[in-house]
Amino acid sequence: MKVRRTFTGSMATAAALFSVLSLATIACAWAQPAATMPKVAILSTRASPTEACSATMQGSTLPCFLVAMAELGYVDGKNVSFEFRFAENDYKRLPALAAELVLLRPDVILTAGPGAIAAANATTTIPIIAGPASEETLTRLAGNWAHPTRNVTGFTLNSAEQEIKCLQLLRELAPRASRVALLLNPDNPGYGDTAARLAPAANQLRLTLIRIEARSGSDLPQAFAAIVASGADAIFITDDAALAGMGPVRKQVSAWALKQRLSVVSPNARVAADGGLLSFGTDLNALQRRAAGYVDKVLKGAKPADLPVERPSTFKLSLNVKTATTLGLTIRQSMLVRADEVIQ
């Protein structure tokens, strides 16, 4: 469950990361393929076409998927056709975009989160790879995880155990915290029941969860006002693509919380690096590589029933020492030893 320990105080990996994303940029140079070419439809809940091909896109995993496909030998316009649709974080657009893609008769659809629901509602025959989606979403859409009974399979993003671990770590690191603002997107069905799901653990930890809604960064001013009014002394950001999944949103929440002296925790692996107190997250790039492998298998004849739903097996504990110091919190050496990433 451990990953390579890193200290993010420098730009040591910037060149390598830019190189990988540059390959993804090349992969986005779409062409007009032959009619017999395999077609992969990509329904993105978040990016715009320009951002998807940008090496500076914060937090995007789409370039990683495209690079993984290239490594498997797929070249857009030569032996595969990629068809993209982008909801730009407006989940209400997903059903129409999914319907557009289905009309193109792709061999497989790659999507994530609420996009999987929209795609499953649009077709019951085209294989759908959810990379990733919530456990609740995949349970509903795939049926049996070991042998999916419908046309959907894929990878889960966060488990209840992972979210509970965030609360446990918060209690350990900020023992005086008692009221936690649960920041979630009401349009994302994967997180609608988060409060109920976490309630037993929160009660055991003597934490009160307060539901705060935001659909995107534009809703943050209202959300911040609601957090202040609630008397919360910590914030839990759900790993929604439009919230914790967006770099500018993560940074805005963390910066505001720091001024208010509120601890921020999340199952999103990047929140601590962007100023939050701690993250206990999933390696999303690893999930995208696995998703590319599933797409490859479908293009070679595999059915969703042949591809079990997978849960992430590698998690990353990230601690932001600078944020902790500003908040007047002390991170014990035992916790630092357990961390995979320490932000100084």
Protein backbone atom coordinates (compact mmCIF):
# COMPACT_ATOMS: atom_id res chain seq x y z
CA MET A 1 0.00 0.00 0.00
CA LYS A 2 3.04 2.23 0.18
CA VAL A 3 4.44 4.18 -2.73
CA ARG A 4 7.80 5.77 -3.27
CA ARG A 5 8.43 8.41 -0.61
CA THR A 6 8.99 11.89 -2.00
CA PHE A 7 9.61 15.38 -0.65
CA THR A 8 7.99 18.05 -2.82
CA GLY A 9 9.97 21.15 -2.22
CA SER A 10 11.60 21.36 -5.64
CA MET A 11 10.96 20.98 -9.33
CA ALA A 12 13.05 17.82 -9.66
CA THR A 13 10.44 15.94 -11.69
CA ALA A 14 9.10 18.85 -13.72
CA ALA A 15 11.07 18.06 -16.87
CA ALA A 16 9.97 14.44 -16.90
CA LEU A 17 6.33 15.36 -16.29
CA PHE A 18 6.38 17.96 -19.06
CA SER A 19 7.86 15.36 -21.41
CA VAL A 20 5.02 12.92 -20.68
CA LEU A 21 2.35 15.58 -21.10
CA SER A 22 3.96 16.73 -24.32
CA LEU A 23 3.45 13.22 -25.68
CA ALA A 24 -0.20 13.53 -24.69
CA THR A 25 -0.36 16.82 -26.57
CA ILE A 26 0.84 15.06 -29.69
CA ALA A 27 -1.73 12.32 -29.13
CA CYS A 28 -4.45 14.97 -29.21
CA ALA A 29 -3.71 15.91 -32.81
CA TRP A 30 -6.92 14.38 -34.13
CA ALA A 31 -7.22 13.20 -37.71
CA GLN A 32 -9.95 11.80 -39.96
CA PRO A 33 -9.57 8.01 -39.81
CA ALA A 34 -10.71 5.31 -42.15
CA ALA A 35 -14.23 3.95 -41.59
CA THR A 36 -12.92 0.54 -40.46
CA MET A 37 -10.62 1.95 -37.81
CA PRO A 38 -11.42 1.06 -34.15
CA LYS A 39 -13.10 3.96 -32.41
CA VAL A 40 -12.61 4.94 -28.76
CA ALA A 41 -15.10 7.46 -27.38
CA ILE A 42 -13.91 9.57 -24.44
CA LEU A 43 -16.55 11.32 -22.35
CA SER A 44 -14.74 13.71 -20.03
CA THR A 45 -16.59 15.23 -17.10
CA ARG A 46 -14.20 18.11 -16.83
CA ALA A 47 -11.69 19.27 -19.45
CA SER A 48 -12.20 21.43 -22.48
CA PRO A 49 -10.56 20.38 -25.79
CA THR A 50 -7.87 23.05 -25.38
CA GLU A 51 -7.05 22.06 -21.81
CA ALA A 52 -6.98 18.36 -22.62
CA CYS A 53 -4.05 18.92 -24.95
CA SER A 54 -2.24 21.34 -22.67
CA ALA A 55 0.89 20.39 -20.75
CA THR A 56 -0.14 22.94 -18.13
CA MET A 57 -3.56 21.44 -17.39
CA GLN A 58 -3.65 21.12 -13.61
CA GLY A 59 -4.70 17.75 -12.30
CA SER A 60 -5.79 16.21 -15.60
CA THR A 61 -5.37 12.46 -15.98
CA LEU A 62 -6.51 12.37 -19.61
CA PRO A 63 -2.98 12.97 -20.95
CA CYS A 64 -1.79 9.98 -18.91
CA PHE A 65 -4.46 7.78 -20.51
CA LEU A 66 -3.47 8.95 -23.99
CA VAL A 67 0.21 8.31 -23.29
CA ALA A 68 -0.62 4.83 -21.99
CA MET A 69 -2.59 4.13 -25.17
CA ALA A 70 0.36 5.31 -27.25
CA GLU A 71 2.64 2.98 -25.31
CA LEU A 72 0.25 0.14 -26.18
CA GLY A 73 0.75 1.00 -29.85
CA TYR A 74 -2.33 3.09 -30.59
CA VAL A 75 -1.78 6.12 -32.81
CA ASP A 76 -4.74 8.41 -33.37
CA GLY A 77 -5.63 8.63 -37.04
CA LYS A 78 -3.52 5.60 -37.99
CA ASN A 79 -4.82 2.56 -36.12
CA VAL A 80 -7.40 4.08 -33.79
CA SER A 81 -9.81 7.00 -33.74
CA PHE A 82 -10.39 8.99 -30.56
CA GLU A 83 -13.71 10.80 -30.30
CA PHE A 84 -13.87 13.36 -27.47
CA ARG A 85 -16.72 15.10 -25.70
CA PHE A 86 -16.11 17.48 -22.76
CA ALA A 87 -18.69 18.47 -20.13
CA GLU A 88 -16.39 21.12 -18.63
CA ASN A 89 -17.60 20.27 -15.10
CA ASP A 90 -21.26 20.80 -15.99
CA TYR A 91 -22.71 17.38 -15.21
CA LYS A 92 -26.07 18.33 -16.69
CA ARG A 93 -24.45 18.23 -20.14
CA LEU A 94 -23.35 14.60 -19.79
CA PRO A 95 -26.53 12.85 -21.04
CA ALA A 96 -26.57 14.79 -24.31
CA LEU A 97 -22.83 14.31 -24.84
CA ALA A 98 -23.13 10.59 -24.14
CA ALA A 99 -25.96 10.33 -26.67
CA GLU A 100 -23.80 12.07 -29.28
CA LEU A 101 -20.99 9.58 -28.74
CA VAL A 102 -23.30 6.57 -28.92
CA LEU A 103 -24.53 7.76 -32.33
CA LEU A 104 -20.91 7.51 -33.54
CA ARG A 105 -20.97 3.75 -32.77
CA PRO A 106 -17.67 3.54 -30.93
CA ASP A 107 -16.13 0.21 -29.98
CA VAL A 108 -15.72 1.32 -26.38
CA ILE A 109 -16.48 4.37 -24.21
CA LEU A 110 -14.05 5.64 -21.58
CA THR A 111 -15.50 7.97 -18.98
CA ALA A 112 -15.51 8.64 -15.24
CA GLY A 113 -17.82 9.37 -12.32
CA PRO A 114 -21.22 10.75 -13.40
CA GLY A 115 -20.15 10.22 -17.01
CA ALA A 116 -20.45 6.48 -16.47
CA ILE A 117 -24.07 6.88 -15.44
CA ALA A 118 -24.82 9.04 -18.48
CA ALA A 119 -23.10 6.58 -20.81
CA ALA A 120 -24.90 3.59 -19.28
CA ASN A 121 -28.22 5.36 -19.73
CA ALA A 122 -27.34 6.03 -23.38
CA THR A 123 -26.37 2.46 -24.33
CA THR A 124 -26.72 -1.04 -22.97
CA THR A 125 -24.53 -2.66 -25.64
CA ILE A 126 -21.36 -0.58 -26.15
CA PRO A 127 -18.68 -1.52 -23.56
CA ILE A 128 -18.09 1.25 -21.03
CA ILE A 129 -14.91 1.60 -18.98
CA ALA A 130 -15.32 3.81 -15.92
CA GLY A 131 -11.93 5.12 -15.01
CA PRO A 132 -12.73 5.81 -12.25
CA ALA A 133 -16.14 6.05 -10.54
CA SER A 134 -17.45 5.70 -7.02
CA GLU A 135 -18.07 2.27 -5.52
CA GLU A 136 -21.80 3.00 -5.40
CA THR A 137 -21.86 3.91 -9.10
CA LEU A 138 -19.99 0.80 -10.22
CA THR A 139 -22.04 -1.48 -7.99
CA ARG A 140 -25.20 -0.14 -9.62
CA LEU A 141 -23.89 -0.15 -13.19
CA ALA A 142 -21.75 -3.29 -13.28
CA GLY A 143 -23.79 -5.57 -11.03
CA ASN A 144 -21.32 -8.28 -10.10
CA TRP A 145 -17.81 -6.86 -9.59
CA ALA A 146 -15.99 -10.11 -10.34
CA HIS A 147 -17.98 -10.71 -13.53
CA PRO A 148 -19.91 -7.60 -14.56
CA THR A 149 -23.39 -8.52 -15.74
CA ARG A 150 -23.95 -5.42 -17.84
CA ASN A 151 -21.90 -3.39 -20.32
CA VAL A 152 -19.98 -1.45 -17.65
CA THR A 153 -16.78 -2.22 -15.77
CA GLY A 154 -13.86 -0.16 -14.52
CA PHE A 155 -12.14 1.15 -11.44
CA THR A 156 -13.30 2.63 -8.17
CA LEU A 157 -11.90 5.96 -7.05
CA ASN A 158 -12.32 6.11 -3.30
CA SER A 159 -13.62 3.60 -0.82
CA ALA A 160 -15.51 4.32 2.38
CA GLU A 161 -12.49 2.99 4.25
CA GLN A 162 -10.29 5.55 2.52
CA GLU A 163 -12.62 8.41 3.41
CA ILE A 164 -12.86 7.18 7.00
CA LYS A 165 -9.07 7.10 7.13
CA CYS A 166 -9.05 10.80 6.28
CA LEU A 167 -11.25 11.49 9.29
CA GLN A 168 -9.07 9.32 11.53
CA LEU A 169 -5.96 11.14 10.39
CA LEU A 170 -7.67 14.48 10.98
CA ARG A 171 -8.54 13.43 14.52
CA GLU A 172 -4.97 12.30 15.10
CA LEU A 173 -3.34 15.42 13.70
CA ALA A 174 -5.90 18.04 14.80
CA PRO A 175 -7.41 16.56 17.98
CA ARG A 176 -9.34 19.74 18.81
CA ALA A 177 -11.32 19.66 15.57
CA SER A 178 -14.93 18.66 16.20
CA ARG A 179 -17.08 20.11 13.41
CA VAL A 180 -16.15 19.11 9.85
CA ALA A 181 -17.60 20.83 6.79
CA LEU A 182 -18.22 18.14 4.17
CA LEU A 183 -17.76 19.96 0.84
CA LEU A 184 -19.52 18.04 -1.94
CA ASN A 185 -21.12 18.50 -5.34
CA PRO A 186 -24.88 17.79 -5.13
CA ASP A 187 -24.94 16.98 -8.86
CA ASN A 188 -22.53 14.08 -8.40
CA PRO A 189 -24.56 11.00 -7.38
CA GLY A 190 -21.40 9.24 -6.24
CA TYR A 191 -21.09 11.57 -3.25
CA GLY A 192 -24.69 12.34 -2.38
CA ASP A 193 -24.74 9.90 0.54
CA THR A 194 -21.23 10.64 1.83
CA ALA A 195 -22.48 12.11 5.10
CA ALA A 196 -24.61 9.06 5.86
CA ARG A 197 -21.83 6.71 4.82
CA LEU A 198 -19.32 8.39 7.13
CA ALA A 199 -21.72 9.07 10.00
CA PRO A 200 -20.91 5.95 12.09
CA ALA A 201 -17.15 6.59 11.91
CA ALA A 202 -17.62 10.31 12.54
CA ASN A 203 -19.70 9.57 15.63
CA GLN A 204 -17.06 7.20 16.93
CA LEU A 205 -14.41 9.87 16.38
CA ARG A 206 -16.66 12.48 18.02
CA LEU A 207 -16.85 14.52 14.82
CA THR A 208 -19.93 16.32 13.54
CA LEU A 209 -20.26 16.37 9.75
CA ILE A 210 -21.89 19.42 8.17
CA ARG A 211 -23.00 19.17 4.54
CA ILE A 212 -21.81 22.10 2.41
CA GLU A 213 -22.67 22.16 -1.31
CA ALA A 214 -20.72 23.57 -4.24
CA ARG A 215 -21.00 22.60 -7.89
CA SER A 216 -17.80 24.32 -9.03
CA GLY A 217 -15.32 27.01 -8.10
CA SER A 218 -17.90 29.69 -8.82
CA ASP A 219 -19.92 28.43 -5.84
CA LEU A 220 -17.08 28.75 -3.36
CA PRO A 221 -17.99 32.21 -1.99
CA GLN A 222 -21.40 30.90 -0.90
CA ALA A 223 -19.82 27.71 0.40
CA PHE A 224 -17.28 29.68 2.43
CA ALA A 225 -20.07 31.75 3.97
CA ALA A 226 -21.94 28.57 4.87
CA ILE A 227 -18.82 27.07 6.45
CA VAL A 228 -18.32 30.16 8.61
CA ALA A 229 -21.97 30.14 9.65
CA SER A 230 -21.76 26.44 10.55
CA GLY A 231 -18.93 26.96 13.00
CA ALA A 232 -16.85 24.25 11.32
CA ASP A 233 -13.21 23.96 12.34
CA ALA A 234 -12.13 21.61 9.52
CA ILE A 235 -13.03 20.91 5.89
CA PHE A 236 -13.31 17.53 4.15
CA ILE A 237 -13.27 17.97 0.35
CA THR A 238 -14.87 15.05 -1.47
CA ASP A 239 -12.95 13.87 -4.51
CA ASP A 240 -15.40 15.33 -7.02
CA ALA A 241 -13.91 16.24 -10.41
CA ALA A 242 -15.21 19.81 -10.20
CA LEU A 243 -14.01 20.36 -6.63
CA ALA A 244 -10.97 18.47 -5.33
CA GLY A 245 -10.30 17.36 -8.91
CA MET A 246 -9.61 20.94 -10.02
CA GLY A 247 -6.27 22.52 -9.09
CA PRO A 248 -7.59 26.11 -8.85
CA VAL A 249 -10.44 24.97 -6.58
CA ARG A 250 -8.11 22.98 -4.31
CA LYS A 251 -5.81 25.95 -3.97
CA GLN A 252 -8.62 28.42 -3.35
CA VAL A 253 -10.20 26.26 -0.64
CA SER A 254 -6.86 25.58 1.04
CA ALA A 255 -5.78 29.25 0.95
CA TRP A 256 -9.09 30.45 2.36
CA ALA A 257 -9.11 27.74 5.03
CA LEU A 258 -5.59 28.64 6.11
CA LYS A 259 -6.62 32.26 6.66
CA GLN A 260 -9.57 31.00 8.71
CA ARG A 261 -7.27 28.56 10.54
CA LEU A 262 -9.23 25.54 9.36
CA SER A 263 -7.66 22.16 8.60
CA VAL A 264 -8.38 20.73 5.13
CA VAL A 265 -8.33 16.98 4.43
CA SER A 266 -9.33 14.96 1.39
CA PRO A 267 -9.08 11.56 -0.30
CA ASN A 268 -7.78 13.49 -3.32
CA ALA A 269 -4.03 12.87 -3.49
CA ARG A 270 -3.20 16.46 -4.53
CA VAL A 271 -4.95 18.46 -1.81
CA ALA A 272 -2.01 18.50 0.62
CA ALA A 273 0.39 19.60 -2.11
CA ASP A 274 -1.95 22.49 -2.90
CA GLY A 275 -2.01 23.77 0.67
CA GLY A 276 -4.34 21.42 2.53
CA LEU A 277 -3.30 19.73 5.74
CA LEU A 278 -3.36 16.13 4.55
CA SER A 279 -4.42 13.85 1.72
CA PHE A 280 -4.96 10.12 1.68
CA GLY A 281 -5.43 9.60 -2.00
CA THR A 282 -5.48 7.22 -4.91
CA ASP A 283 -2.84 7.24 -7.64
CA LEU A 284 -5.05 8.50 -10.47
CA ASN A 285 -2.35 8.16 -13.10
CA ALA A 286 -2.02 4.48 -12.22
CA LEU A 287 -5.78 4.11 -12.66
CA GLN A 288 -5.57 5.74 -16.09
CA ARG A 289 -2.88 3.30 -17.13
CA ARG A 290 -5.08 0.42 -15.99
CA ALA A 291 -8.02 1.97 -17.86
CA ALA A 292 -5.93 2.07 -21.04
CA GLY A 293 -5.21 -1.62 -20.53
CA TYR A 294 -8.93 -2.37 -20.27
CA VAL A 295 -9.67 -0.35 -23.42
CA ASP A 296 -6.94 -2.29 -25.21
CA LYS A 297 -8.50 -5.59 -24.14
CA VAL A 298 -11.95 -4.52 -25.33
CA LEU A 299 -10.55 -3.51 -28.71
CA LYS A 300 -9.00 -6.99 -28.91
CA GLY A 301 -12.33 -8.69 -28.23
CA ALA A 302 -12.80 -8.79 -24.44
CA LYS A 303 -16.25 -8.19 -22.97
CA PRO A 304 -17.00 -6.24 -19.79
CA ALA A 305 -17.89 -9.55 -18.14
CA ASP A 306 -14.27 -10.62 -18.71
CA LEU A 307 -12.91 -7.53 -16.92
CA PRO A 308 -13.59 -7.37 -13.17
CA VAL A 309 -14.20 -4.09 -11.40
CA GLU A 310 -10.99 -3.19 -9.58
CA ARG A 311 -10.43 -1.20 -6.40
CA PRO A 312 -7.24 0.87 -6.01
CA SER A 313 -4.52 -0.94 -4.10
CA THR A 314 -2.02 1.88 -3.72
CA PHE A 315 -2.73 4.92 -1.57
CA LYS A 316 -0.60 7.94 -0.85
CA LEU A 317 -0.51 9.70 2.52
CA SER A 318 0.62 13.29 2.02
CA LEU A 319 1.28 15.70 4.88
CA ASN A 320 1.85 19.44 4.54
CA VAL A 321 4.24 20.42 7.33
CA LYS A 322 4.13 24.10 6.40
CA THR A 323 0.34 24.19 6.68
CA ALA A 324 0.43 22.29 9.96
CA THR A 325 2.94 24.77 11.39
CA THR A 326 0.80 27.73 10.31
CA LEU A 327 -2.21 26.13 12.01
CA GLY A 328 -0.22 25.54 15.17
CA LEU A 329 -0.34 21.76 14.79
CA THR A 330 2.51 19.39 15.53
CA ILE A 331 3.04 16.38 13.31
CA ARG A 332 4.55 13.61 15.39
CA GLN A 333 7.56 11.77 14.04
CA SER A 334 5.57 8.53 13.96
CA MET A 335 3.15 10.09 11.48
CA LEU A 336 5.93 11.57 9.36
CA VAL A 337 7.45 8.11 9.08
CA ARG A 338 4.11 6.75 7.85
CA ALA A 339 3.77 9.44 5.17
CA ASP A 340 4.56 8.78 1.55
CA GLU A 341 4.93 12.47 0.77
CA VAL A 342 5.96 15.32 3.06
CA ILE A 343 5.48 18.87 1.83
CA GLN A 344 7.89 21.22 3.61
